Amino acid sequence: MNIHLEILSSAFMLGEKNVETPNIKELVPQMMVRRRLTKAAKIAVELLNSVKHFEGGRIICGSAFGELGTTANILNAMKDKQALSPTDFQNSVYNTAVSYLSILYRNHNEILTLSSGDKTSLNVLKAGALKALDGDVLLLLCFETLDIPNIEQVNRCITYLESGVALVVRVTKEHATMKLQKSELVGIPNSISEMLYVAQFAPQLERSIVEVVL
């Protein structure tokens, strides 16, 4: 089964160590709320601010490693026999970033979070294609935040430790103008590769339509 998705808008952020989020104070003016946001949540907020044609609706989010920073904090606290941070505990789940989005933007629609290792962004696109069949406009998100202490001891292939990609999509019966493939950018997490390719290539086309094979 093949489904064609029109890319209405796209945005991505990449950082070799960390991603800058210059607009976060303006986008989340409440200091106490802003202080609770994980880095992934801040990236998601910035990406949502960067895309167009999404005024609220269903969101599909993916991450291979999830909230790695807060998870590392919890494990280090356990190792050192220290009290666990309630905020870290709350923020350690995979849907933290999009949950904050739903709160900040009062979005009461369905949110689906996926984690499929290197195939994460591909499966986000496939899930998005299926969900879009009812005609809704969807927001697809993928992120990785790998900048944690001592990451260099285990990291051998990822140059961009923090990254995020957002696509606003809807189903179409028009012919595809691009075929889905991995991004050619070296050093990105495989888990964001297909969505990053679309986000990089889509702005070059007059009308961006990608074929998703299920």
N, C-alpha and C. Protein backbone atom coordinates (compact mmCIF):
# COMPACT_ATOMS: atom_id res chain seq x y z
N MET A 1 0.85 -1.19 0.00
CA MET A 1 0.00 0.00 0.00
C MET A 1 0.88 1.24 0.00
N ASN A 2 0.60 2.15 -0.92
CA ASN A 2 1.34 3.41 -1.00
C ASN A 2 0.42 4.57 -0.65
N ILE A 3 0.90 5.48 0.18
CA ILE A 3 0.16 6.67 0.56
C ILE A 3 1.03 7.88 0.26
N HIS A 4 0.42 8.89 -0.35
CA HIS A 4 1.16 10.10 -0.68
C HIS A 4 0.84 11.19 0.35
N LEU A 5 1.89 11.75 0.94
CA LEU A 5 1.74 12.82 1.91
C LEU A 5 2.27 14.12 1.32
N GLU A 6 1.45 15.14 1.38
CA GLU A 6 1.91 16.47 0.99
C GLU A 6 2.57 17.13 2.19
N ILE A 7 3.75 17.67 1.99
CA ILE A 7 4.49 18.35 3.05
C ILE A 7 4.10 19.82 2.99
N LEU A 8 3.26 20.24 3.92
CA LEU A 8 2.79 21.62 3.93
C LEU A 8 3.82 22.56 4.52
N SER A 9 4.63 22.05 5.43
CA SER A 9 5.65 22.88 6.07
C SER A 9 6.66 21.94 6.74
N SER A 10 7.88 22.44 6.91
CA SER A 10 8.91 21.61 7.54
C SER A 10 9.92 22.50 8.25
N ALA A 11 10.59 21.93 9.23
CA ALA A 11 11.65 22.63 9.96
C ALA A 11 12.55 21.58 10.60
N PHE A 12 13.81 21.93 10.78
CA PHE A 12 14.71 21.04 11.50
C PHE A 12 15.77 21.85 12.23
N MET A 13 16.32 21.24 13.28
CA MET A 13 17.36 21.86 14.09
C MET A 13 18.42 20.81 14.37
N LEU A 14 19.70 21.20 14.20
CA LEU A 14 20.80 20.29 14.44
C LEU A 14 21.88 20.99 15.25
N GLY A 15 22.45 20.29 16.21
CA GLY A 15 23.55 20.84 16.99
C GLY A 15 24.59 19.77 17.27
N GLU A 16 25.86 20.10 17.01
CA GLU A 16 26.90 19.11 17.26
C GLU A 16 27.02 18.78 18.74
N LYS A 17 26.77 19.75 19.59
CA LYS A 17 26.73 19.48 21.03
C LYS A 17 25.33 19.75 21.56
N ASN A 18 24.81 20.95 21.33
CA ASN A 18 23.44 21.24 21.73
C ASN A 18 22.79 22.18 20.73
N VAL A 19 21.49 22.15 20.69
CA VAL A 19 20.70 22.99 19.79
C VAL A 19 20.33 24.27 20.52
N GLU A 20 20.56 25.40 19.86
CA GLU A 20 20.14 26.67 20.43
C GLU A 20 18.63 26.83 20.32
N THR A 21 18.02 27.32 21.38
CA THR A 21 16.57 27.59 21.38
C THR A 21 16.37 29.07 21.74
N PRO A 22 16.65 29.98 20.80
CA PRO A 22 16.71 31.41 21.11
C PRO A 22 15.37 32.05 21.44
N ASN A 23 14.27 31.42 21.03
CA ASN A 23 12.95 32.04 21.22
C ASN A 23 12.18 31.48 22.40
N ILE A 24 12.81 30.62 23.19
CA ILE A 24 12.05 29.89 24.21
C ILE A 24 11.48 30.82 25.28
N LYS A 25 12.18 31.89 25.64
CA LYS A 25 11.65 32.81 26.66
C LYS A 25 10.40 33.52 26.16
N GLU A 26 10.39 33.85 24.89
CA GLU A 26 9.22 34.49 24.31
C GLU A 26 8.08 33.50 24.13
N LEU A 27 8.40 32.28 23.73
CA LEU A 27 7.37 31.29 23.46
C LEU A 27 6.78 30.71 24.74
N VAL A 28 7.60 30.64 25.80
CA VAL A 28 7.13 30.13 27.09
C VAL A 28 7.49 31.19 28.15
N PRO A 29 6.70 32.23 28.25
CA PRO A 29 7.06 33.35 29.13
C PRO A 29 7.00 33.02 30.62
N GLN A 30 6.22 32.00 31.01
CA GLN A 30 6.13 31.66 32.43
C GLN A 30 7.42 30.95 32.87
N MET A 31 8.18 31.61 33.74
CA MET A 31 9.50 31.11 34.10
C MET A 31 9.44 29.74 34.75
N MET A 32 8.48 29.52 35.65
CA MET A 32 8.41 28.25 36.35
C MET A 32 8.10 27.10 35.40
N VAL A 33 7.25 27.37 34.41
CA VAL A 33 6.96 26.35 33.40
C VAL A 33 8.19 26.11 32.54
N ARG A 34 8.84 27.18 32.13
CA ARG A 34 10.00 27.07 31.26
C ARG A 34 11.13 26.28 31.92
N ARG A 35 11.30 26.46 33.22
CA ARG A 35 12.37 25.77 33.93
C ARG A 35 12.14 24.26 34.00
N ARG A 36 10.91 23.84 33.87
CA ARG A 36 10.60 22.40 33.93
C ARG A 36 10.78 21.71 32.58
N LEU A 37 10.89 22.48 31.52
CA LEU A 37 10.97 21.87 30.19
C LEU A 37 12.29 21.13 30.00
N THR A 38 12.22 19.95 29.43
CA THR A 38 13.42 19.25 29.01
C THR A 38 13.96 19.90 27.74
N LYS A 39 15.19 19.53 27.37
CA LYS A 39 15.74 20.07 26.12
C LYS A 39 14.90 19.63 24.93
N ALA A 40 14.43 18.40 24.95
CA ALA A 40 13.58 17.93 23.85
C ALA A 40 12.29 18.74 23.76
N ALA A 41 11.71 19.09 24.91
CA ALA A 41 10.50 19.89 24.91
C ALA A 41 10.77 21.28 24.33
N LYS A 42 11.91 21.87 24.68
CA LYS A 42 12.26 23.18 24.13
C LYS A 42 12.45 23.11 22.63
N ILE A 43 13.09 22.05 22.15
CA ILE A 43 13.26 21.86 20.71
C ILE A 43 11.90 21.73 20.03
N ALA A 44 11.00 20.96 20.65
CA ALA A 44 9.66 20.78 20.08
C ALA A 44 8.91 22.10 20.00
N VAL A 45 9.01 22.92 21.03
CA VAL A 45 8.35 24.23 21.04
C VAL A 45 8.91 25.11 19.92
N GLU A 46 10.22 25.13 19.79
CA GLU A 46 10.84 25.94 18.74
C GLU A 46 10.44 25.45 17.35
N LEU A 47 10.38 24.14 17.16
CA LEU A 47 9.99 23.59 15.86
C LEU A 47 8.54 23.93 15.54
N LEU A 48 7.68 23.80 16.53
CA LEU A 48 6.27 24.14 16.30
C LEU A 48 6.11 25.60 15.92
N ASN A 49 6.93 26.45 16.51
CA ASN A 49 6.91 27.87 16.17
C ASN A 49 7.43 28.14 14.76
N SER A 50 8.25 27.24 14.24
CA SER A 50 8.89 27.44 12.94
C SER A 50 8.05 26.96 11.77
N VAL A 51 7.14 26.00 12.00
CA VAL A 51 6.34 25.47 10.90
C VAL A 51 5.05 26.28 10.73
N LYS A 52 4.43 26.10 9.59
CA LYS A 52 3.17 26.77 9.27
C LYS A 52 2.08 25.72 9.03
N HIS A 53 0.85 26.21 8.95
CA HIS A 53 -0.31 25.40 8.56
C HIS A 53 -0.72 24.35 9.60
N PHE A 54 -0.25 24.51 10.84
CA PHE A 54 -0.70 23.61 11.90
C PHE A 54 -1.22 24.46 13.05
N GLU A 55 -2.53 24.44 13.22
CA GLU A 55 -3.17 25.26 14.25
C GLU A 55 -3.68 24.42 15.41
N GLY A 56 -3.11 23.25 15.57
CA GLY A 56 -3.57 22.32 16.58
C GLY A 56 -4.19 21.11 15.91
N GLY A 57 -3.96 19.96 16.47
CA GLY A 57 -4.46 18.72 15.89
C GLY A 57 -3.64 17.56 16.39
N ARG A 58 -3.73 16.46 15.68
CA ARG A 58 -3.02 15.25 16.11
C ARG A 58 -1.52 15.36 15.85
N ILE A 59 -0.75 14.78 16.77
CA ILE A 59 0.71 14.81 16.69
C ILE A 59 1.24 13.39 16.80
N ILE A 60 2.20 13.06 15.95
CA ILE A 60 2.92 11.80 16.06
C ILE A 60 4.39 12.14 16.29
N CYS A 61 4.94 11.60 17.35
CA CYS A 61 6.29 11.94 17.76
C CYS A 61 7.13 10.69 17.86
N GLY A 62 8.42 10.80 17.55
CA GLY A 62 9.30 9.66 17.65
C GLY A 62 10.66 10.02 18.20
N SER A 63 11.25 9.10 18.94
CA SER A 63 12.61 9.26 19.45
C SER A 63 13.16 7.87 19.78
N ALA A 64 14.38 7.60 19.34
CA ALA A 64 14.98 6.31 19.66
C ALA A 64 15.43 6.24 21.11
N PHE A 65 15.96 7.36 21.62
CA PHE A 65 16.55 7.36 22.95
C PHE A 65 15.72 8.11 23.99
N GLY A 66 14.73 8.85 23.55
CA GLY A 66 13.85 9.54 24.49
C GLY A 66 14.56 10.60 25.30
N GLU A 67 14.08 10.79 26.52
CA GLU A 67 14.63 11.83 27.40
C GLU A 67 15.89 11.30 28.09
N LEU A 68 16.96 11.19 27.32
CA LEU A 68 18.17 10.54 27.82
C LEU A 68 18.80 11.31 28.98
N GLY A 69 18.74 12.64 28.92
CA GLY A 69 19.34 13.45 29.97
C GLY A 69 18.71 13.23 31.33
N THR A 70 17.39 13.25 31.38
CA THR A 70 16.72 13.05 32.66
C THR A 70 16.87 11.61 33.15
N THR A 71 16.87 10.67 32.21
CA THR A 71 17.09 9.28 32.59
C THR A 71 18.48 9.09 33.20
N ALA A 72 19.48 9.74 32.61
CA ALA A 72 20.84 9.67 33.14
C ALA A 72 20.90 10.29 34.53
N ASN A 73 20.18 11.39 34.73
CA ASN A 73 20.15 12.02 36.06
C ASN A 73 19.59 11.07 37.11
N ILE A 74 18.54 10.36 36.76
CA ILE A 74 17.92 9.42 37.69
C ILE A 74 18.88 8.28 38.02
N LEU A 75 19.52 7.73 37.00
CA LEU A 75 20.46 6.63 37.23
C LEU A 75 21.66 7.07 38.07
N ASN A 76 22.15 8.28 37.81
CA ASN A 76 23.27 8.79 38.61
C ASN A 76 22.87 9.00 40.06
N ALA A 77 21.64 9.50 40.29
CA ALA A 77 21.16 9.69 41.66
C ALA A 77 21.06 8.35 42.38
N MET A 78 20.57 7.34 41.69
CA MET A 78 20.47 6.01 42.29
C MET A 78 21.87 5.45 42.60
N LYS A 79 22.81 5.65 41.67
CA LYS A 79 24.17 5.17 41.89
C LYS A 79 24.81 5.83 43.11
N ASP A 80 24.54 7.15 43.26
CA ASP A 80 25.14 7.91 44.36
C ASP A 80 24.30 7.88 45.64
N LYS A 81 23.21 7.08 45.60
CA LYS A 81 22.31 6.95 46.75
C LYS A 81 21.75 8.31 47.19
N GLN A 82 21.37 9.11 46.19
CA GLN A 82 20.76 10.41 46.45
C GLN A 82 19.27 10.35 46.15
N ALA A 83 18.54 11.33 46.67
CA ALA A 83 17.10 11.40 46.42
C ALA A 83 16.84 11.69 44.94
N LEU A 84 15.84 11.04 44.41
CA LEU A 84 15.48 11.27 43.01
C LEU A 84 14.73 12.60 42.88
N SER A 85 15.03 13.34 41.83
CA SER A 85 14.33 14.58 41.55
C SER A 85 12.93 14.27 41.03
N PRO A 86 11.88 14.80 41.67
CA PRO A 86 10.52 14.58 41.15
C PRO A 86 10.35 15.08 39.73
N THR A 87 11.02 16.20 39.41
CA THR A 87 10.92 16.74 38.05
C THR A 87 11.57 15.79 37.05
N ASP A 88 12.75 15.26 37.38
CA ASP A 88 13.40 14.30 36.49
C ASP A 88 12.53 13.06 36.30
N PHE A 89 11.95 12.58 37.40
CA PHE A 89 11.09 11.40 37.30
C PHE A 89 9.91 11.67 36.37
N GLN A 90 9.30 12.83 36.52
CA GLN A 90 8.16 13.20 35.68
C GLN A 90 8.56 13.34 34.22
N ASN A 91 9.77 13.84 34.00
CA ASN A 91 10.20 14.16 32.64
C ASN A 91 10.92 13.01 31.93
N SER A 92 11.00 11.85 32.54
CA SER A 92 11.81 10.77 31.98
C SER A 92 11.10 9.91 30.95
N VAL A 93 9.80 10.14 30.72
CA VAL A 93 9.05 9.30 29.79
C VAL A 93 9.17 9.81 28.36
N TYR A 94 8.89 8.95 27.39
CA TYR A 94 9.10 9.27 25.98
C TYR A 94 8.17 10.38 25.48
N ASN A 95 7.01 10.52 26.05
CA ASN A 95 6.06 11.52 25.53
C ASN A 95 6.14 12.85 26.27
N THR A 96 7.23 13.08 27.02
CA THR A 96 7.36 14.32 27.77
C THR A 96 7.26 15.55 26.87
N ALA A 97 8.06 15.58 25.79
CA ALA A 97 8.12 16.76 24.94
C ALA A 97 6.77 17.13 24.35
N VAL A 98 6.06 16.15 23.78
CA VAL A 98 4.76 16.46 23.16
C VAL A 98 3.68 16.68 24.21
N SER A 99 3.85 16.13 25.40
CA SER A 99 2.90 16.41 26.47
C SER A 99 2.98 17.87 26.88
N TYR A 100 4.20 18.40 26.97
CA TYR A 100 4.34 19.83 27.25
C TYR A 100 3.73 20.67 26.13
N LEU A 101 3.90 20.23 24.88
CA LEU A 101 3.26 20.95 23.77
C LEU A 101 1.75 21.00 23.94
N SER A 102 1.16 19.86 24.31
CA SER A 102 -0.30 19.81 24.45
C SER A 102 -0.77 20.75 25.56
N ILE A 103 0.03 20.87 26.63
CA ILE A 103 -0.34 21.76 27.74
C ILE A 103 -0.17 23.21 27.33
N LEU A 104 0.99 23.54 26.75
CA LEU A 104 1.29 24.93 26.41
C LEU A 104 0.33 25.49 25.37
N TYR A 105 -0.08 24.65 24.41
CA TYR A 105 -0.93 25.13 23.31
C TYR A 105 -2.36 24.63 23.42
N ARG A 106 -2.71 24.08 24.58
CA ARG A 106 -4.08 23.62 24.85
C ARG A 106 -4.60 22.73 23.72
N ASN A 107 -3.76 21.81 23.31
CA ASN A 107 -4.11 20.87 22.24
C ASN A 107 -4.64 19.59 22.88
N HIS A 108 -5.94 19.34 22.72
CA HIS A 108 -6.58 18.18 23.34
C HIS A 108 -6.72 17.00 22.38
N ASN A 109 -6.01 17.06 21.26
CA ASN A 109 -6.13 16.01 20.26
C ASN A 109 -5.18 14.84 20.57
N GLU A 110 -5.33 13.79 19.79
CA GLU A 110 -4.54 12.58 19.99
C GLU A 110 -3.04 12.84 19.80
N ILE A 111 -2.24 12.25 20.68
CA ILE A 111 -0.79 12.26 20.55
C ILE A 111 -0.31 10.82 20.60
N LEU A 112 0.51 10.43 19.62
CA LEU A 112 1.07 9.09 19.55
C LEU A 112 2.59 9.22 19.57
N THR A 113 3.26 8.48 20.46
CA THR A 113 4.71 8.51 20.55
C THR A 113 5.27 7.14 20.21
N LEU A 114 6.26 7.12 19.31
CA LEU A 114 6.85 5.87 18.84
C LEU A 114 8.35 5.84 19.13
N SER A 115 8.88 4.66 19.34
CA SER A 115 10.32 4.47 19.45
C SER A 115 10.67 3.16 18.76
N SER A 116 11.44 3.26 17.68
CA SER A 116 11.74 2.07 16.87
C SER A 116 13.21 2.02 16.49
N GLY A 117 14.08 2.50 17.38
CA GLY A 117 15.50 2.47 17.06
C GLY A 117 15.82 3.28 15.81
N ASP A 118 16.65 2.71 14.94
CA ASP A 118 17.04 3.41 13.71
C ASP A 118 15.87 3.64 12.76
N LYS A 119 14.78 2.91 12.92
CA LYS A 119 13.63 3.05 12.02
C LYS A 119 12.57 4.01 12.57
N THR A 120 12.93 4.79 13.60
CA THR A 120 11.93 5.62 14.26
C THR A 120 11.26 6.61 13.32
N SER A 121 12.02 7.43 12.61
CA SER A 121 11.39 8.44 11.76
C SER A 121 10.64 7.81 10.60
N LEU A 122 11.14 6.68 10.09
CA LEU A 122 10.42 5.98 9.04
C LEU A 122 9.05 5.53 9.55
N ASN A 123 9.01 5.00 10.77
CA ASN A 123 7.73 4.54 11.32
C ASN A 123 6.82 5.70 11.70
N VAL A 124 7.40 6.84 12.08
CA VAL A 124 6.57 8.03 12.31
C VAL A 124 5.89 8.45 11.00
N LEU A 125 6.63 8.40 9.91
CA LEU A 125 6.04 8.73 8.60
C LEU A 125 4.96 7.73 8.21
N LYS A 126 5.20 6.45 8.46
CA LYS A 126 4.19 5.44 8.13
C LYS A 126 2.94 5.62 8.99
N ALA A 127 3.13 5.83 10.29
CA ALA A 127 1.97 6.06 11.16
C ALA A 127 1.24 7.32 10.75
N GLY A 128 2.01 8.36 10.40
CA GLY A 128 1.39 9.60 9.95
C GLY A 128 0.59 9.43 8.68
N ALA A 129 1.11 8.61 7.76
CA ALA A 129 0.38 8.35 6.52
C ALA A 129 -0.95 7.67 6.79
N LEU A 130 -0.95 6.69 7.68
CA LEU A 130 -2.19 6.00 8.02
C LEU A 130 -3.18 6.93 8.72
N LYS A 131 -2.68 7.70 9.68
CA LYS A 131 -3.54 8.61 10.43
C LYS A 131 -4.11 9.71 9.54
N ALA A 132 -3.35 10.10 8.51
CA ALA A 132 -3.78 11.20 7.64
C ALA A 132 -4.86 10.80 6.65
N LEU A 133 -5.15 9.51 6.56
CA LEU A 133 -6.13 9.05 5.57
C LEU A 133 -7.51 9.64 5.80
N ASP A 134 -7.80 10.10 7.02
CA ASP A 134 -9.11 10.69 7.27
C ASP A 134 -9.18 12.16 6.88
N GLY A 135 -8.08 12.69 6.31
CA GLY A 135 -8.09 14.06 5.80
C GLY A 135 -7.56 15.11 6.74
N ASP A 136 -7.18 14.74 7.94
CA ASP A 136 -6.65 15.71 8.90
C ASP A 136 -5.24 16.17 8.52
N VAL A 137 -4.91 17.37 8.98
CA VAL A 137 -3.52 17.85 8.92
C VAL A 137 -2.83 17.41 10.20
N LEU A 138 -1.67 16.78 10.08
CA LEU A 138 -0.95 16.23 11.23
C LEU A 138 0.41 16.89 11.38
N LEU A 139 0.89 16.90 12.61
CA LEU A 139 2.26 17.31 12.89
C LEU A 139 3.07 16.06 13.23
N LEU A 140 4.17 15.85 12.50
CA LEU A 140 5.08 14.75 12.76
C LEU A 140 6.36 15.34 13.36
N LEU A 141 6.81 14.75 14.46
CA LEU A 141 8.01 15.24 15.14
C LEU A 141 8.97 14.09 15.39
N CYS A 142 10.27 14.37 15.31
CA CYS A 142 11.29 13.44 15.75
C CYS A 142 12.38 14.24 16.45
N PHE A 143 12.95 13.68 17.50
CA PHE A 143 14.02 14.38 18.21
C PHE A 143 14.98 13.37 18.83
N GLU A 144 16.21 13.84 19.05
CA GLU A 144 17.18 13.11 19.86
C GLU A 144 17.97 14.15 20.66
N THR A 145 18.17 13.89 21.95
CA THR A 145 18.97 14.77 22.80
C THR A 145 19.98 13.89 23.53
N LEU A 146 21.16 13.76 22.95
CA LEU A 146 22.16 12.80 23.42
C LEU A 146 23.31 13.46 24.15
N ASP A 147 23.25 14.76 24.36
CA ASP A 147 24.36 15.48 25.01
C ASP A 147 24.30 15.28 26.52
N ILE A 148 24.83 14.16 26.97
CA ILE A 148 24.88 13.86 28.40
C ILE A 148 26.33 13.67 28.80
N PRO A 149 26.66 13.77 30.08
CA PRO A 149 28.05 13.59 30.52
C PRO A 149 28.62 12.24 30.08
N ASN A 150 29.84 12.28 29.59
CA ASN A 150 30.60 11.09 29.20
C ASN A 150 30.04 10.38 27.97
N ILE A 151 29.20 11.06 27.18
CA ILE A 151 28.64 10.43 25.99
C ILE A 151 29.75 10.02 25.02
N GLU A 152 30.88 10.75 25.05
CA GLU A 152 31.97 10.45 24.13
C GLU A 152 32.59 9.07 24.39
N GLN A 153 32.33 8.51 25.55
CA GLN A 153 32.88 7.19 25.86
C GLN A 153 32.17 6.08 25.09
N VAL A 154 30.95 6.33 24.67
CA VAL A 154 30.19 5.31 23.95
C VAL A 154 29.82 5.72 22.53
N ASN A 155 29.88 7.03 22.24
CA ASN A 155 29.47 7.51 20.93
C ASN A 155 30.62 7.39 19.94
N ARG A 156 30.39 6.69 18.83
CA ARG A 156 31.41 6.52 17.81
C ARG A 156 30.95 7.00 16.43
N CYS A 157 29.69 7.35 16.28
CA CYS A 157 29.21 7.63 14.92
C CYS A 157 28.31 8.84 14.79
N ILE A 158 27.83 9.41 15.89
CA ILE A 158 26.89 10.52 15.81
C ILE A 158 27.61 11.84 16.06
N THR A 159 27.57 12.72 15.08
CA THR A 159 28.19 14.04 15.19
C THR A 159 27.23 15.04 15.83
N TYR A 160 25.97 14.96 15.43
CA TYR A 160 24.96 15.91 15.90
C TYR A 160 24.23 15.30 17.09
N LEU A 161 24.66 15.69 18.30
CA LEU A 161 24.12 15.06 19.50
C LEU A 161 22.69 15.51 19.80
N GLU A 162 22.33 16.70 19.37
CA GLU A 162 20.94 17.16 19.55
C GLU A 162 20.33 17.50 18.21
N SER A 163 19.09 17.09 18.02
CA SER A 163 18.45 17.28 16.73
C SER A 163 16.93 17.22 16.88
N GLY A 164 16.26 17.84 15.95
CA GLY A 164 14.80 17.78 15.91
C GLY A 164 14.31 18.06 14.51
N VAL A 165 13.23 17.39 14.12
CA VAL A 165 12.63 17.57 12.79
C VAL A 165 11.12 17.64 12.96
N ALA A 166 10.49 18.54 12.22
CA ALA A 166 9.03 18.65 12.23
C ALA A 166 8.50 18.73 10.80
N LEU A 167 7.45 17.99 10.55
CA LEU A 167 6.75 18.04 9.26
C LEU A 167 5.27 18.22 9.50
N VAL A 168 4.65 19.13 8.75
CA VAL A 168 3.20 19.26 8.76
C VAL A 168 2.69 18.62 7.47
N VAL A 169 1.81 17.62 7.59
CA VAL A 169 1.46 16.80 6.43
C VAL A 169 -0.05 16.61 6.31
N ARG A 170 -0.46 16.28 5.10
CA ARG A 170 -1.83 15.83 4.84
C ARG A 170 -1.79 14.87 3.66
N VAL A 171 -2.76 14.00 3.59
CA VAL A 171 -2.79 13.02 2.52
C VAL A 171 -3.24 13.69 1.23
N THR A 172 -2.75 13.18 0.10
CA THR A 172 -3.14 13.70 -1.21
C THR A 172 -3.16 12.56 -2.22
N LYS A 173 -3.93 12.73 -3.27
CA LYS A 173 -3.97 11.76 -4.37
C LYS A 173 -3.08 12.20 -5.53
N GLU A 174 -2.43 13.33 -5.39
CA GLU A 174 -1.53 13.82 -6.43
C GLU A 174 -0.28 12.93 -6.51
N HIS A 175 0.39 13.00 -7.66
CA HIS A 175 1.60 12.21 -7.86
C HIS A 175 2.70 12.67 -6.92
N ALA A 176 3.51 11.72 -6.48
CA ALA A 176 4.63 12.04 -5.60
C ALA A 176 5.70 12.80 -6.38
N THR A 177 6.32 13.76 -5.71
CA THR A 177 7.42 14.52 -6.30
C THR A 177 8.76 14.15 -5.68
N MET A 178 8.74 13.28 -4.67
CA MET A 178 9.99 12.78 -4.09
C MET A 178 9.78 11.38 -3.55
N LYS A 179 10.84 10.61 -3.56
CA LYS A 179 10.81 9.29 -2.97
C LYS A 179 11.52 9.32 -1.63
N LEU A 180 11.02 8.57 -0.71
CA LEU A 180 11.55 8.57 0.64
C LEU A 180 12.90 7.86 0.68
N GLN A 181 13.86 8.49 1.33
CA GLN A 181 15.16 7.89 1.51
C GLN A 181 15.84 8.50 2.74
N LYS A 182 16.99 7.98 3.10
CA LYS A 182 17.72 8.51 4.23
C LYS A 182 18.45 9.80 3.82
N SER A 183 18.63 10.68 4.79
CA SER A 183 19.40 11.89 4.55
C SER A 183 20.86 11.53 4.27
N GLU A 184 21.48 12.31 3.39
CA GLU A 184 22.89 12.09 3.07
C GLU A 184 23.82 12.81 4.04
N LEU A 185 23.26 13.56 4.99
CA LEU A 185 24.09 14.27 5.95
C LEU A 185 24.78 13.28 6.89
N VAL A 186 26.09 13.34 6.93
CA VAL A 186 26.87 12.41 7.74
C VAL A 186 26.84 12.84 9.21
N GLY A 187 26.68 11.87 10.09
CA GLY A 187 26.79 12.14 11.51
C GLY A 187 25.49 12.43 12.23
N ILE A 188 24.35 12.28 11.53
CA ILE A 188 23.05 12.46 12.20
C ILE A 188 22.60 11.11 12.77
N PRO A 189 21.76 11.12 13.78
CA PRO A 189 21.19 9.85 14.26
C PRO A 189 20.34 9.19 13.18
N ASN A 190 20.49 7.90 12.99
CA ASN A 190 19.67 7.20 12.00
C ASN A 190 18.19 7.33 12.30
N SER A 191 17.86 7.55 13.55
CA SER A 191 16.45 7.60 13.96
C SER A 191 15.70 8.82 13.44
N ILE A 192 16.40 9.84 12.93
CA ILE A 192 15.72 11.01 12.36
C ILE A 192 15.93 11.10 10.85
N SER A 193 16.63 10.13 10.25
CA SER A 193 17.18 10.29 8.92
C SER A 193 16.14 10.54 7.83
N GLU A 194 15.12 9.70 7.74
CA GLU A 194 14.13 9.85 6.67
C GLU A 194 13.36 11.16 6.78
N MET A 195 12.97 11.53 7.97
CA MET A 195 12.25 12.79 8.13
C MET A 195 13.15 13.99 7.85
N LEU A 196 14.42 13.88 8.23
CA LEU A 196 15.35 14.97 7.93
C LEU A 196 15.54 15.12 6.43
N TYR A 197 15.61 14.01 5.71
CA TYR A 197 15.71 14.08 4.25
C TYR A 197 14.54 14.86 3.67
N VAL A 198 13.33 14.54 4.12
CA VAL A 198 12.15 15.24 3.62
C VAL A 198 12.23 16.73 3.96
N ALA A 199 12.60 17.06 5.19
CA ALA A 199 12.67 18.46 5.62
C ALA A 199 13.74 19.23 4.84
N GLN A 200 14.83 18.57 4.48
CA GLN A 200 15.88 19.22 3.71
C GLN A 200 15.47 19.43 2.25
N PHE A 201 14.77 18.45 1.68
CA PHE A 201 14.49 18.46 0.25
C PHE A 201 13.19 19.19 -0.10
N ALA A 202 12.20 19.13 0.79
CA ALA A 202 10.87 19.67 0.49
C ALA A 202 10.88 21.15 0.09
N PRO A 203 11.62 22.02 0.76
CA PRO A 203 11.58 23.45 0.38
C PRO A 203 12.09 23.74 -1.02
N GLN A 204 12.79 22.80 -1.63
CA GLN A 204 13.32 23.01 -2.97
C GLN A 204 12.27 22.78 -4.05
N LEU A 205 11.13 22.19 -3.68
CA LEU A 205 10.10 21.84 -4.66
C LEU A 205 8.93 22.81 -4.59
N GLU A 206 8.32 23.02 -5.73
CA GLU A 206 7.12 23.87 -5.76
C GLU A 206 5.99 23.24 -4.96
N ARG A 207 5.86 21.94 -5.08
CA ARG A 207 4.90 21.19 -4.28
C ARG A 207 5.56 19.90 -3.83
N SER A 208 5.62 19.69 -2.55
CA SER A 208 6.37 18.56 -1.99
C SER A 208 5.41 17.45 -1.60
N ILE A 209 5.52 16.32 -2.29
CA ILE A 209 4.67 15.16 -2.02
C ILE A 209 5.56 13.93 -1.96
N VAL A 210 5.53 13.25 -0.83
CA VAL A 210 6.39 12.09 -0.64
C VAL A 210 5.55 10.83 -0.63
N GLU A 211 6.08 9.80 -1.26
CA GLU A 211 5.43 8.49 -1.29
C GLU A 211 5.88 7.67 -0.10
N VAL A 212 4.92 7.22 0.71
CA VAL A 212 5.22 6.39 1.86
C VAL A 212 4.71 4.98 1.57
N VAL A 213 5.61 4.02 1.59
CA VAL A 213 5.26 2.64 1.30
C VAL A 213 5.06 1.90 2.61
N LEU A 214 3.87 1.32 2.79
CA LEU A 214 3.56 0.59 4.02
C LEU A 214 3.84 -0.90 3.86
